[in-house]
N, C-alpha and C. Protein backbone atom coordinates (compact mmCIF):
# COMPACT_ATOMS: atom_id res chain seq x y z
N MET A 1 21.03 29.98 18.13
CA MET A 1 20.08 30.87 17.39
C MET A 1 18.82 29.53 17.35
N THR A 2 17.63 30.09 17.54
CA THR A 2 16.42 29.09 17.56
C THR A 2 16.16 28.78 15.50
N GLN A 3 16.21 27.36 15.49
CA GLN A 3 15.77 26.92 14.16
C GLN A 3 14.42 27.25 13.77
N THR A 4 14.27 27.96 12.51
CA THR A 4 13.02 28.48 12.05
C THR A 4 12.33 27.26 11.63
N CYS A 5 11.37 26.91 11.39
CA CYS A 5 10.52 25.83 11.19
C CYS A 5 9.16 25.90 10.19
N ARG A 6 9.22 25.46 8.95
CA ARG A 6 7.84 25.62 8.51
C ARG A 6 7.11 24.24 7.89
N LEU A 7 6.20 24.36 8.61
CA LEU A 7 5.06 22.96 8.41
C LEU A 7 4.11 22.91 7.59
N ILE A 8 4.36 22.26 6.61
CA ILE A 8 3.81 22.22 5.59
C ILE A 8 2.64 21.13 5.59
N ALA A 9 1.64 21.29 5.41
CA ALA A 9 0.56 20.08 5.65
C ALA A 9 0.16 19.25 4.13
N ILE A 10 -0.09 18.11 3.95
CA ILE A 10 -0.14 17.46 2.97
C ILE A 10 -1.52 16.48 3.48
N THR A 11 -2.33 16.52 2.72
CA THR A 11 -3.98 15.96 3.28
C THR A 11 -4.43 15.28 2.00
N GLY A 12 -5.45 14.83 2.47
CA GLY A 12 -6.16 13.79 1.28
C GLY A 12 -6.86 12.97 1.81
N GLY A 13 -7.65 11.64 0.82
CA GLY A 13 -8.01 10.67 1.42
C GLY A 13 -7.19 9.46 1.30
N SER A 14 -7.57 8.49 1.80
CA SER A 14 -6.41 7.49 1.92
C SER A 14 -6.22 6.76 0.03
N ALA A 15 -4.93 6.87 0.14
CA ALA A 15 -4.38 6.51 -0.84
C ALA A 15 -4.74 7.32 -2.20
N SER A 16 -4.60 8.58 -1.74
CA SER A 16 -4.87 9.68 -2.90
C SER A 16 -3.55 9.98 -3.69
N GLY A 17 -2.49 9.95 -2.93
CA GLY A 17 -0.82 9.93 -3.41
C GLY A 17 -0.35 10.89 -2.39
N LYS A 18 -1.04 11.39 -1.17
CA LYS A 18 -0.21 12.36 -0.49
C LYS A 18 1.15 11.87 -0.04
N SER A 19 1.18 10.46 0.33
CA SER A 19 2.24 10.26 0.78
C SER A 19 3.47 10.44 -0.29
N ARG A 20 3.18 9.63 -1.61
CA ARG A 20 4.30 9.87 -2.40
C ARG A 20 4.65 11.70 -2.69
N LEU A 21 3.54 12.37 -2.78
CA LEU A 21 3.77 13.67 -2.82
C LEU A 21 4.71 14.38 -1.68
N SER A 22 4.38 14.17 -0.45
CA SER A 22 5.17 14.39 0.56
C SER A 22 6.80 14.14 0.54
N GLN A 23 6.96 12.47 0.29
CA GLN A 23 8.23 12.31 -0.18
C GLN A 23 8.94 12.61 -0.87
N ALA A 24 8.28 13.17 -2.09
CA ALA A 24 8.91 14.01 -3.45
C ALA A 24 9.08 15.33 -3.28
N LEU A 25 8.28 16.18 -2.16
CA LEU A 25 8.70 17.47 -1.41
C LEU A 25 9.68 17.38 -0.63
N ALA A 26 9.71 16.27 0.59
CA ALA A 26 11.34 16.03 1.52
C ALA A 26 12.27 15.73 0.38
N GLN A 27 11.98 15.43 -0.61
CA GLN A 27 13.56 14.95 -1.35
C GLN A 27 13.98 16.43 -2.23
N HIS A 28 13.16 16.97 -2.18
CA HIS A 28 13.26 17.83 -2.90
C HIS A 28 14.18 19.43 -2.27
N PHE A 29 13.58 19.16 -1.06
CA PHE A 29 14.28 20.27 0.38
C PHE A 29 15.04 19.26 1.24
N ALA A 30 15.58 18.36 0.47
CA ALA A 30 16.31 17.28 1.47
C ALA A 30 17.59 17.78 1.53
N HIS A 31 18.19 19.00 0.72
CA HIS A 31 19.43 19.90 1.37
C HIS A 31 18.94 20.80 2.71
N GLU A 32 17.81 21.27 2.83
CA GLU A 32 17.37 21.86 4.14
C GLU A 32 17.04 21.16 5.36
N GLY A 33 17.48 20.01 5.34
CA GLY A 33 17.34 19.01 6.27
C GLY A 33 15.58 18.32 6.09
N SER A 34 14.88 18.55 5.17
CA SER A 34 13.77 18.30 5.14
C SER A 34 13.24 16.38 5.65
N TYR A 35 11.97 16.64 6.26
CA TYR A 35 11.85 15.24 6.08
C TYR A 35 10.26 15.16 6.24
N VAL A 36 9.34 13.83 6.08
CA VAL A 36 8.25 13.85 6.37
C VAL A 36 7.41 13.35 7.42
N LEU A 37 6.67 14.33 8.25
CA LEU A 37 6.34 13.91 10.14
C LEU A 37 4.59 13.22 9.31
N ALA A 38 4.61 11.82 9.65
CA ALA A 38 3.29 11.07 9.45
C ALA A 38 2.55 10.93 10.50
N GLU A 39 1.21 11.59 10.10
CA GLU A 39 0.16 11.69 11.01
C GLU A 39 -0.32 9.85 11.64
N ASP A 40 0.00 9.02 10.82
CA ASP A 40 -0.35 7.65 10.45
C ASP A 40 0.61 7.21 12.70
N ASP A 41 1.81 7.87 12.30
CA ASP A 41 2.27 7.38 13.46
C ASP A 41 1.95 7.65 14.87
N TYR A 42 0.57 8.41 14.68
CA TYR A 42 0.21 9.21 15.80
C TYR A 42 -1.23 8.72 16.27
N TYR A 43 -1.34 7.34 15.57
CA TYR A 43 -2.55 6.03 15.82
C TYR A 43 -2.40 5.92 17.15
N VAL A 44 -3.78 6.16 17.74
CA VAL A 44 -3.84 5.63 19.33
C VAL A 44 -3.24 4.16 19.34
N ASP A 45 -2.91 3.70 20.38
CA ASP A 45 -2.37 2.71 20.89
C ASP A 45 -3.50 1.52 20.45
N ALA A 46 -4.49 1.00 19.64
CA ALA A 46 -5.21 0.42 19.56
C ALA A 46 -5.04 -0.72 19.76
N GLY A 47 -3.89 -1.80 19.42
CA GLY A 47 -3.62 -3.06 19.95
C GLY A 47 -3.74 -3.39 21.26
N ASN A 48 -3.51 -2.33 21.97
CA ASN A 48 -3.35 -2.77 23.30
C ASN A 48 -4.76 -2.45 24.29
N MET A 49 -5.79 -2.15 23.57
CA MET A 49 -6.96 -1.62 24.19
C MET A 49 -7.71 -3.16 24.53
N PRO A 50 -8.39 -3.16 25.41
CA PRO A 50 -9.36 -4.53 25.79
C PRO A 50 -10.08 -4.41 24.46
N ASP A 51 -10.34 -5.75 24.51
CA ASP A 51 -11.09 -6.24 23.54
C ASP A 51 -11.27 -5.68 21.80
N PHE A 52 -9.77 -5.35 21.65
CA PHE A 52 -9.67 -4.60 20.50
C PHE A 52 -10.20 -5.62 18.96
N ASN A 53 -10.86 -5.02 18.27
CA ASN A 53 -10.97 -6.06 17.10
C ASN A 53 -10.80 -5.09 16.07
N PRO A 54 -9.46 -5.28 15.19
CA PRO A 54 -9.03 -4.95 14.39
C PRO A 54 -9.85 -4.76 13.13
N SER A 55 -11.00 -5.44 12.99
CA SER A 55 -12.11 -5.59 11.75
C SER A 55 -13.23 -4.56 12.14
N ALA A 56 -13.44 -4.27 13.32
CA ALA A 56 -14.34 -3.10 13.69
C ALA A 56 -13.99 -2.20 13.78
N PHE A 57 -12.91 -2.01 14.31
CA PHE A 57 -12.09 -0.51 14.85
C PHE A 57 -12.16 0.44 13.72
N ASN A 58 -12.64 1.65 13.99
CA ASN A 58 -12.59 2.33 12.95
C ASN A 58 -11.35 3.49 12.80
N PHE A 59 -10.39 2.89 11.90
CA PHE A 59 -9.18 3.74 11.79
C PHE A 59 -9.22 4.94 11.18
N ASP A 60 -10.39 4.81 10.36
CA ASP A 60 -10.46 6.29 9.20
C ASP A 60 -11.16 7.47 10.15
N GLU A 61 -11.70 7.42 11.63
CA GLU A 61 -12.49 8.73 11.92
C GLU A 61 -10.97 9.62 12.37
N PRO A 62 -11.15 10.71 12.84
CA PRO A 62 -10.19 11.52 13.18
C PRO A 62 -9.67 11.00 14.77
N ALA A 63 -10.98 10.68 15.49
CA ALA A 63 -10.46 9.71 16.75
C ALA A 63 -9.62 8.93 16.75
N ALA A 64 -9.20 8.25 15.86
CA ALA A 64 -8.43 6.79 15.97
C ALA A 64 -7.09 7.50 16.21
N LYS A 65 -6.86 8.86 15.68
CA LYS A 65 -5.45 9.62 16.06
C LYS A 65 -5.36 10.29 17.28
N ASP A 66 -4.33 10.54 18.10
CA ASP A 66 -3.63 11.03 19.21
C ASP A 66 -3.31 12.51 18.47
N HIS A 67 -4.43 13.21 18.64
CA HIS A 67 -4.21 14.79 17.91
C HIS A 67 -3.67 15.65 18.60
N ALA A 68 -3.98 15.32 20.06
CA ALA A 68 -3.15 16.08 21.10
C ALA A 68 -1.79 15.96 20.98
N LEU A 69 -1.35 14.97 21.03
CA LEU A 69 0.22 14.86 21.11
C LEU A 69 0.78 15.16 19.90
N LEU A 70 -0.49 14.92 18.56
CA LEU A 70 0.72 15.70 17.48
C LEU A 70 0.70 17.13 17.13
N GLY A 71 -0.18 17.70 17.93
CA GLY A 71 -0.90 19.27 18.20
C GLY A 71 0.67 19.70 18.84
N GLU A 72 1.06 19.09 20.00
CA GLU A 72 2.00 19.41 20.83
C GLU A 72 3.14 19.17 20.68
N HIS A 73 3.64 18.36 19.79
CA HIS A 73 4.64 18.07 18.59
C HIS A 73 4.75 19.30 17.70
N LEU A 74 3.81 19.42 16.93
CA LEU A 74 3.64 20.47 16.04
C LEU A 74 4.53 22.01 16.73
N GLY A 75 3.56 22.12 17.66
CA GLY A 75 3.94 23.41 18.41
C GLY A 75 5.43 23.44 18.82
N HIS A 76 5.85 22.32 19.43
CA HIS A 76 7.41 22.26 20.08
C HIS A 76 8.20 22.36 19.04
N LEU A 77 8.02 21.79 17.39
CA LEU A 77 8.97 22.02 16.61
C LEU A 77 8.57 23.78 15.65
N ARG A 78 7.66 24.01 15.84
CA ARG A 78 7.11 25.77 15.22
C ARG A 78 8.50 26.45 16.19
N GLN A 79 8.53 25.99 17.55
CA GLN A 79 9.48 26.66 18.59
C GLN A 79 10.52 26.22 18.81
N GLY A 80 11.15 25.61 17.76
CA GLY A 80 12.68 25.31 17.84
C GLY A 80 12.70 24.03 18.24
N ARG A 81 12.21 23.60 19.00
CA ARG A 81 12.61 22.06 19.80
C ARG A 81 12.50 20.94 19.44
N PRO A 82 13.38 19.85 19.82
CA PRO A 82 13.23 18.48 19.11
C PRO A 82 11.99 17.97 19.64
N ILE A 83 11.44 16.55 19.31
CA ILE A 83 10.38 16.03 19.51
C ILE A 83 10.86 14.64 19.37
N ALA A 84 10.10 13.70 20.25
CA ALA A 84 10.02 11.96 20.19
C ALA A 84 9.24 11.28 19.39
N GLN A 85 9.32 11.36 17.99
CA GLN A 85 7.92 10.77 17.26
C GLN A 85 7.59 9.42 17.50
N PRO A 86 6.53 9.39 18.14
CA PRO A 86 5.98 7.72 17.98
C PRO A 86 6.44 7.03 16.93
N VAL A 87 6.23 5.55 16.94
CA VAL A 87 6.49 5.00 15.37
C VAL A 87 5.08 3.83 16.12
N TYR A 88 4.41 3.54 14.67
CA TYR A 88 3.47 2.79 15.09
C TYR A 88 3.59 1.64 14.19
N ASP A 89 2.99 0.55 14.81
CA ASP A 89 3.41 -0.89 13.55
C ASP A 89 1.90 -1.16 13.23
N PHE A 90 1.86 -0.93 12.07
CA PHE A 90 0.77 -1.43 11.20
C PHE A 90 0.24 -2.96 11.46
N ALA A 91 1.03 -3.72 11.61
CA ALA A 91 0.74 -5.44 11.64
C ALA A 91 0.25 -5.27 12.85
N THR A 92 1.02 -5.05 14.20
CA THR A 92 0.17 -5.34 15.42
C THR A 92 -0.81 -4.50 15.89
N HIS A 93 -1.01 -3.17 15.34
CA HIS A 93 -1.62 -1.68 15.73
C HIS A 93 -1.36 -1.21 16.81
N CYS A 94 -0.28 -1.56 17.12
CA CYS A 94 0.16 -0.98 18.63
C CYS A 94 1.77 -0.09 18.32
N ARG A 95 1.67 0.93 19.05
CA ARG A 95 3.02 1.79 18.92
C ARG A 95 4.15 1.03 19.22
N ALA A 96 5.18 1.26 18.61
CA ALA A 96 6.57 0.54 18.65
C ALA A 96 7.16 0.76 20.63
N GLY A 97 8.03 0.20 20.60
CA GLY A 97 8.68 0.43 21.90
C GLY A 97 10.02 1.91 21.81
N HIS A 98 10.11 2.25 20.82
CA HIS A 98 10.67 3.23 20.54
C HIS A 98 10.32 4.64 19.63
N THR A 99 11.08 5.49 20.03
CA THR A 99 10.49 6.89 19.31
C THR A 99 11.97 7.26 18.42
N VAL A 100 11.38 8.18 17.80
CA VAL A 100 12.54 8.76 16.50
C VAL A 100 12.59 10.27 17.10
N GLU A 101 13.96 10.46 17.26
CA GLU A 101 14.13 12.27 17.47
C GLU A 101 13.96 12.91 16.08
N ARG A 102 12.98 13.76 16.23
CA ARG A 102 13.18 14.81 15.30
C ARG A 102 13.34 16.17 15.49
N HIS A 103 14.06 16.93 14.83
CA HIS A 103 14.60 18.45 14.83
C HIS A 103 13.79 19.25 14.35
N PRO A 104 13.79 20.63 14.29
CA PRO A 104 13.09 21.48 13.73
C PRO A 104 13.88 21.44 12.23
N ALA A 105 13.45 21.86 11.35
CA ALA A 105 13.93 22.21 10.04
C ALA A 105 13.43 23.10 9.22
N PRO A 106 14.22 23.74 8.18
CA PRO A 106 13.67 24.64 7.39
C PRO A 106 11.81 24.31 6.80
N VAL A 107 12.20 23.16 6.31
CA VAL A 107 10.90 22.94 5.93
C VAL A 107 10.25 21.51 6.61
N VAL A 108 9.46 21.47 7.16
CA VAL A 108 9.09 19.98 7.39
C VAL A 108 7.34 19.14 6.95
N ILE A 109 7.50 18.20 6.14
CA ILE A 109 6.34 17.96 5.53
C ILE A 109 5.57 17.22 6.65
N VAL A 110 4.46 17.71 6.58
CA VAL A 110 3.49 16.52 7.57
C VAL A 110 2.26 16.07 6.87
N GLU A 111 2.11 14.76 6.73
CA GLU A 111 1.39 14.04 6.03
C GLU A 111 0.26 13.21 6.58
N GLY A 112 -1.20 13.53 6.22
CA GLY A 112 -2.08 12.43 6.97
C GLY A 112 -3.56 13.06 6.16
N MET A 113 -4.42 11.88 6.65
CA MET A 113 -5.85 11.95 6.04
C MET A 113 -6.24 13.04 6.74
N HIS A 114 -6.20 13.55 8.54
CA HIS A 114 -7.36 14.33 8.88
C HIS A 114 -6.53 15.92 9.44
N LEU A 115 -5.10 16.32 9.09
CA LEU A 115 -4.36 17.66 8.94
C LEU A 115 -5.47 18.72 9.58
N LEU A 116 -6.61 18.60 8.49
CA LEU A 116 -7.14 20.27 8.41
C LEU A 116 -8.51 19.85 9.24
N CYS A 117 -8.75 18.53 9.55
CA CYS A 117 -10.00 18.37 10.32
C CYS A 117 -10.78 19.75 11.80
N ALA A 118 -9.38 19.75 12.36
CA ALA A 118 -9.75 20.82 13.41
C ALA A 118 -8.67 21.77 13.52
N PRO A 119 -9.65 23.26 13.94
CA PRO A 119 -8.80 24.29 13.98
C PRO A 119 -7.73 24.09 15.00
N ALA A 120 -7.44 23.79 15.78
CA ALA A 120 -6.21 23.25 16.99
C ALA A 120 -5.19 23.06 15.96
N LEU A 121 -5.33 21.79 14.95
CA LEU A 121 -4.51 21.64 14.29
C LEU A 121 -3.95 22.47 12.96
N ARG A 122 -5.21 22.73 12.39
CA ARG A 122 -4.61 23.89 11.03
C ARG A 122 -4.08 24.97 11.67
N GLU A 123 -4.14 25.78 12.74
CA GLU A 123 -3.13 26.83 13.47
C GLU A 123 -1.85 26.43 12.98
N HIS A 124 -1.72 25.31 13.15
CA HIS A 124 0.24 25.04 12.98
C HIS A 124 0.82 25.17 12.16
N PHE A 125 0.13 25.08 10.72
CA PHE A 125 0.53 24.89 9.56
C PHE A 125 0.82 26.43 8.78
N HIS A 126 1.89 26.40 8.06
CA HIS A 126 2.25 27.32 7.42
C HIS A 126 1.56 27.10 5.81
N PHE A 127 1.29 26.35 5.46
CA PHE A 127 0.78 26.28 4.35
C PHE A 127 0.29 24.96 4.64
N SER A 128 -0.98 24.63 3.47
CA SER A 128 -1.61 23.16 3.15
C SER A 128 -2.05 22.49 1.99
N VAL A 129 -1.90 21.65 1.46
CA VAL A 129 -2.12 20.94 0.01
C VAL A 129 -3.36 20.15 0.59
N TYR A 130 -4.27 19.74 -0.11
CA TYR A 130 -5.01 18.82 -0.06
C TYR A 130 -4.90 18.06 -1.58
N VAL A 131 -4.97 16.69 -1.75
CA VAL A 131 -4.42 15.83 -2.84
C VAL A 131 -6.01 15.12 -2.78
N SER A 132 -6.58 15.46 -4.23
CA SER A 132 -7.70 14.59 -4.78
C SER A 132 -7.62 13.55 -5.50
N ALA A 133 -8.09 12.64 -5.16
CA ALA A 133 -8.52 11.44 -5.90
C ALA A 133 -10.07 10.77 -6.06
N GLY A 134 -10.35 9.96 -7.13
CA GLY A 134 -11.13 9.31 -7.23
C GLY A 134 -11.71 8.08 -6.35
N ASP A 135 -13.02 7.80 -5.90
CA ASP A 135 -12.95 6.42 -5.20
C ASP A 135 -12.12 5.06 -5.82
N PRO A 136 -12.48 4.92 -7.07
CA PRO A 136 -12.09 3.61 -7.76
C PRO A 136 -10.47 3.27 -7.56
N LEU A 137 -9.63 4.74 -7.97
CA LEU A 137 -8.45 4.73 -8.02
C LEU A 137 -7.91 4.78 -6.62
N ARG A 138 -8.35 5.20 -5.73
CA ARG A 138 -8.05 4.99 -4.37
C ARG A 138 -8.01 3.29 -3.91
N LEU A 139 -9.10 2.99 -4.04
CA LEU A 139 -9.67 1.61 -3.65
C LEU A 139 -8.00 0.45 -4.08
N GLN A 140 -8.12 1.01 -5.49
CA GLN A 140 -7.22 -0.20 -6.28
C GLN A 140 -5.54 0.08 -5.49
N ARG A 141 -5.35 1.17 -5.10
CA ARG A 141 -4.06 1.66 -4.67
C ARG A 141 -3.75 1.20 -3.37
N ARG A 142 -5.01 1.28 -2.74
CA ARG A 142 -5.18 0.88 -0.79
C ARG A 142 -4.67 -0.54 -0.69
N ILE A 143 -5.63 -1.44 -1.89
CA ILE A 143 -5.22 -2.49 -1.55
C ILE A 143 -3.83 -2.99 -1.97
N ALA A 144 -2.91 -2.59 -2.96
CA ALA A 144 -1.87 -2.98 -3.07
C ALA A 144 -0.96 -2.65 -2.27
N ARG A 145 -1.22 -1.25 -1.58
CA ARG A 145 -0.33 -0.83 -0.74
C ARG A 145 -0.71 -1.69 0.93
N ASP A 146 -1.86 -2.17 0.91
CA ASP A 146 -2.00 -2.93 2.30
C ASP A 146 -1.52 -3.97 2.26
N VAL A 147 -1.77 -4.65 1.32
CA VAL A 147 -1.09 -6.12 0.72
C VAL A 147 0.24 -6.19 1.05
N ALA A 148 1.00 -5.34 0.22
CA ALA A 148 2.07 -5.27 0.49
C ALA A 148 2.94 -4.92 1.23
N GLU A 149 2.63 -3.81 2.12
CA GLU A 149 3.15 -3.24 3.01
C GLU A 149 2.68 -3.01 4.63
N ARG A 150 1.74 -3.39 4.72
CA ARG A 150 0.61 -3.71 5.85
C ARG A 150 0.07 -5.11 6.40
N SER A 151 0.73 -6.08 6.04
CA SER A 151 0.32 -7.62 6.42
C SER A 151 -1.34 -7.64 6.50
N ARG A 152 -2.01 -7.26 5.51
CA ARG A 152 -3.38 -7.14 4.58
C ARG A 152 -4.12 -8.42 4.07
N THR A 153 -5.26 -8.93 4.03
CA THR A 153 -5.60 -9.55 2.97
C THR A 153 -6.18 -8.37 2.12
N GLU A 154 -6.26 -8.92 0.93
CA GLU A 154 -7.09 -8.22 -0.11
C GLU A 154 -8.99 -7.97 0.34
N ALA A 155 -9.14 -9.31 0.91
CA ALA A 155 -10.50 -9.03 1.27
C ALA A 155 -10.56 -7.88 2.37
N PHE A 156 -9.52 -8.08 3.39
CA PHE A 156 -9.73 -7.28 4.07
C PHE A 156 -9.90 -5.76 4.22
N ALA A 157 -8.97 -5.73 2.89
CA ALA A 157 -8.84 -4.25 2.71
C ALA A 157 -10.04 -3.62 1.68
N ARG A 158 -10.81 -4.32 0.67
CA ARG A 158 -11.94 -4.10 0.46
C ARG A 158 -13.19 -4.02 1.13
N GLN A 159 -13.14 -4.83 2.44
CA GLN A 159 -14.18 -4.86 3.86
C GLN A 159 -13.75 -3.49 3.84
N GLN A 160 -12.74 -2.94 4.70
CA GLN A 160 -12.49 -1.86 5.17
C GLN A 160 -12.65 -0.71 4.55
N PHE A 161 -12.38 -1.10 2.99
CA PHE A 161 -12.70 0.64 2.42
C PHE A 161 -14.00 0.32 2.24
N GLU A 162 -15.04 -0.63 1.96
CA GLU A 162 -16.50 -0.17 2.03
C GLU A 162 -17.02 0.23 3.14
N THR A 163 -16.72 -0.36 4.91
CA THR A 163 -17.24 -0.05 5.83
C THR A 163 -16.89 1.08 6.29
N HIS A 164 -15.69 1.56 6.56
CA HIS A 164 -14.95 2.82 6.98
C HIS A 164 -13.92 3.71 6.58
N VAL A 165 -13.75 3.15 4.80
CA VAL A 165 -12.81 4.42 4.29
C VAL A 165 -13.63 5.46 3.64
N ARG A 166 -14.27 4.76 3.01
CA ARG A 166 -15.15 5.70 1.89
C ARG A 166 -16.41 6.17 2.84
N PRO A 167 -17.43 5.80 3.68
CA PRO A 167 -17.90 6.70 4.39
C PRO A 167 -17.03 7.56 5.45
N MET A 168 -16.10 7.26 6.13
CA MET A 168 -15.21 8.78 6.67
C MET A 168 -14.85 9.37 5.80
N HIS A 169 -14.48 8.80 4.47
CA HIS A 169 -13.74 9.87 3.47
C HIS A 169 -14.83 11.22 3.60
N ASP A 170 -16.38 10.98 2.65
CA ASP A 170 -17.37 11.44 3.25
C ASP A 170 -17.42 12.36 4.01
N LEU A 171 -17.46 11.96 5.52
CA LEU A 171 -17.66 12.82 6.67
C LEU A 171 -16.74 13.32 7.16
N HIS A 172 -15.42 13.26 7.13
CA HIS A 172 -14.30 13.73 7.44
C HIS A 172 -12.91 14.63 6.61
N VAL A 173 -12.88 13.76 5.78
CA VAL A 173 -11.88 14.13 4.86
C VAL A 173 -12.33 15.01 3.57
N GLU A 174 -13.32 14.78 2.65
CA GLU A 174 -13.71 15.80 1.70
C GLU A 174 -13.81 17.33 2.25
N PRO A 175 -14.71 17.25 3.83
CA PRO A 175 -14.79 18.74 3.92
C PRO A 175 -13.50 19.83 4.31
N GLN A 176 -12.64 18.40 4.33
CA GLN A 176 -11.21 19.78 4.44
C GLN A 176 -10.68 20.28 3.23
N LYS A 177 -11.42 19.99 2.28
CA LYS A 177 -10.87 20.94 1.04
C LYS A 177 -10.89 22.31 1.04
N PRO A 178 -11.98 22.80 1.61
CA PRO A 178 -12.30 24.37 1.49
C PRO A 178 -11.25 24.85 2.59
N HIS A 179 -10.40 24.51 3.12
CA HIS A 179 -9.30 24.93 4.47
C HIS A 179 -8.32 24.72 3.81
N ALA A 180 -7.98 24.02 2.94
CA ALA A 180 -6.77 24.00 2.35
C ALA A 180 -6.30 25.12 1.51
N ASP A 181 -5.04 25.61 0.95
CA ASP A 181 -4.53 26.56 0.56
C ASP A 181 -4.36 26.18 -0.82
N LEU A 182 -4.07 25.24 -1.12
CA LEU A 182 -4.09 24.69 -2.65
C LEU A 182 -4.42 22.96 -2.81
N ILE A 183 -5.43 22.77 -3.85
CA ILE A 183 -5.84 21.70 -4.09
C ILE A 183 -5.29 21.19 -5.49
N LEU A 184 -4.51 19.63 -5.30
CA LEU A 184 -4.14 19.24 -6.83
C LEU A 184 -4.91 17.93 -6.75
N GLU A 185 -5.59 17.52 -8.19
CA GLU A 185 -5.89 16.53 -8.65
C GLU A 185 -4.47 15.65 -9.28
N ASN A 186 -4.93 14.60 -8.56
CA ASN A 186 -4.22 13.27 -8.96
C ASN A 186 -5.22 11.99 -8.88
N ARG A 187 -5.48 12.26 -10.49
CA ARG A 187 -6.84 11.32 -10.64
C ARG A 187 -6.29 10.08 -11.66
N GLY A 188 -5.09 10.24 -12.47
CA GLY A 188 -4.25 9.24 -13.42
C GLY A 188 -3.02 8.57 -12.88
N ALA A 189 -2.51 8.33 -13.64
CA ALA A 189 -1.14 8.02 -13.54
C ALA A 189 -0.62 9.16 -12.78
N PRO A 190 -0.09 8.96 -11.47
CA PRO A 190 0.23 10.01 -10.98
C PRO A 190 1.93 10.70 -11.57
N ASP A 191 2.08 12.05 -11.85
CA ASP A 191 3.48 12.80 -12.19
C ASP A 191 3.74 13.44 -10.94
N PHE A 192 4.54 13.19 -10.27
CA PHE A 192 4.75 13.69 -9.12
C PHE A 192 5.62 15.09 -9.43
N GLU A 193 6.49 14.57 -10.42
CA GLU A 193 7.43 15.75 -10.75
C GLU A 193 6.45 17.00 -11.06
N ALA A 194 5.17 17.01 -11.67
CA ALA A 194 4.24 18.08 -12.02
C ALA A 194 3.79 18.33 -11.04
N LEU A 195 3.16 17.37 -9.99
CA LEU A 195 2.29 17.83 -8.41
C LEU A 195 3.55 18.70 -7.79
N VAL A 196 4.36 18.28 -7.65
CA VAL A 196 5.22 18.82 -6.82
C VAL A 196 5.25 20.33 -6.79
N ARG A 197 5.79 20.76 -8.33
CA ARG A 197 6.19 21.94 -8.72
C ARG A 197 5.35 23.21 -8.16
N PRO A 198 3.89 23.00 -8.27
CA PRO A 198 3.60 24.55 -7.69
C PRO A 198 3.51 24.66 -6.22
N VAL A 199 3.86 23.17 -5.45
CA VAL A 199 3.96 23.15 -3.83
C VAL A 199 5.23 23.99 -3.70
N VAL A 200 6.01 23.42 -4.36
CA VAL A 200 7.57 24.02 -4.13
C VAL A 200 7.54 25.66 -4.25
N GLU A 201 6.72 25.81 -5.51
CA GLU A 201 6.61 27.61 -5.65
C GLU A 201 5.66 28.08 -4.60
N HIS A 202 4.89 27.80 -4.16
CA HIS A 202 4.54 28.10 -3.15
C HIS A 202 5.00 28.31 -1.63
N ILE A 203 5.91 27.35 -1.51
CA ILE A 203 6.53 26.93 -0.10
C ILE A 203 7.70 28.16 -0.24
N ARG A 204 7.96 28.41 -1.53
CA ARG A 204 9.33 29.56 -1.58
C ARG A 204 8.85 30.81 -1.70
N ARG A 205 7.60 31.29 -1.76
CA ARG A 205 7.11 32.26 -1.09
C ARG A 205 6.44 33.04 0.07
N LEU A 206 6.68 31.83 1.01
CA LEU A 206 6.03 32.02 2.07
C LEU A 206 7.62 32.78 2.96
N GLN A 207 6.92 33.60 3.65
CA GLN A 207 7.91 34.58 4.69
C GLN A 207 8.49 33.55 5.53
N PRO A 208 9.73 34.24 5.81
CA PRO A 208 10.49 33.09 6.91
C PRO A 208 9.19 32.69 8.23
N ALA A 209 9.90 31.41 8.75
CA ALA A 209 9.13 30.92 9.78
C ALA A 209 9.00 31.33 11.01
N VAL A 210 7.70 31.73 11.75
CA VAL A 210 8.08 31.73 13.30
C VAL A 210 7.30 31.00 14.08
């Protein structure tokens, strides 16, 4: 029997809290085999491009992601087929030499900034959430994350936020709001238990995945 698979999109600005929310949702549905599929792992293999310059490359526009591959993989999961998920190395800006085998699950959480930008991706999701947070808070969180987890300096994180992150947010991320089924405000100290609750309620009301 083919495994049914509900695909739940969690999108929003950089450092809005969407990754933490996605992990909390996956934990809630862990008994069903839920996991997080990160759009970030579908970055193009930028580090191997000729004359690649990480300071100049725009990682915050949709074209920086391999949405064709992501869409193909989402289609496979909906059809009950496994995928070989790429793994992206943020220190080298390259895809790793290995992949991760992912199988359909009753609830798969797909997390990323640009999931609702294009109709070709939007059509794969059974339910979508936009996580909203203000620029000052997102900058503070992004610096902490990039320094601790992505081998960046604070100066690089600030420069990247002002030159790429903020402009691309206004151009590509914020306009996704009208396409989301649910909008969550995450503007203070995040209470992910409270944020998870309405999402779980909506997911449980979904019809069986097809």
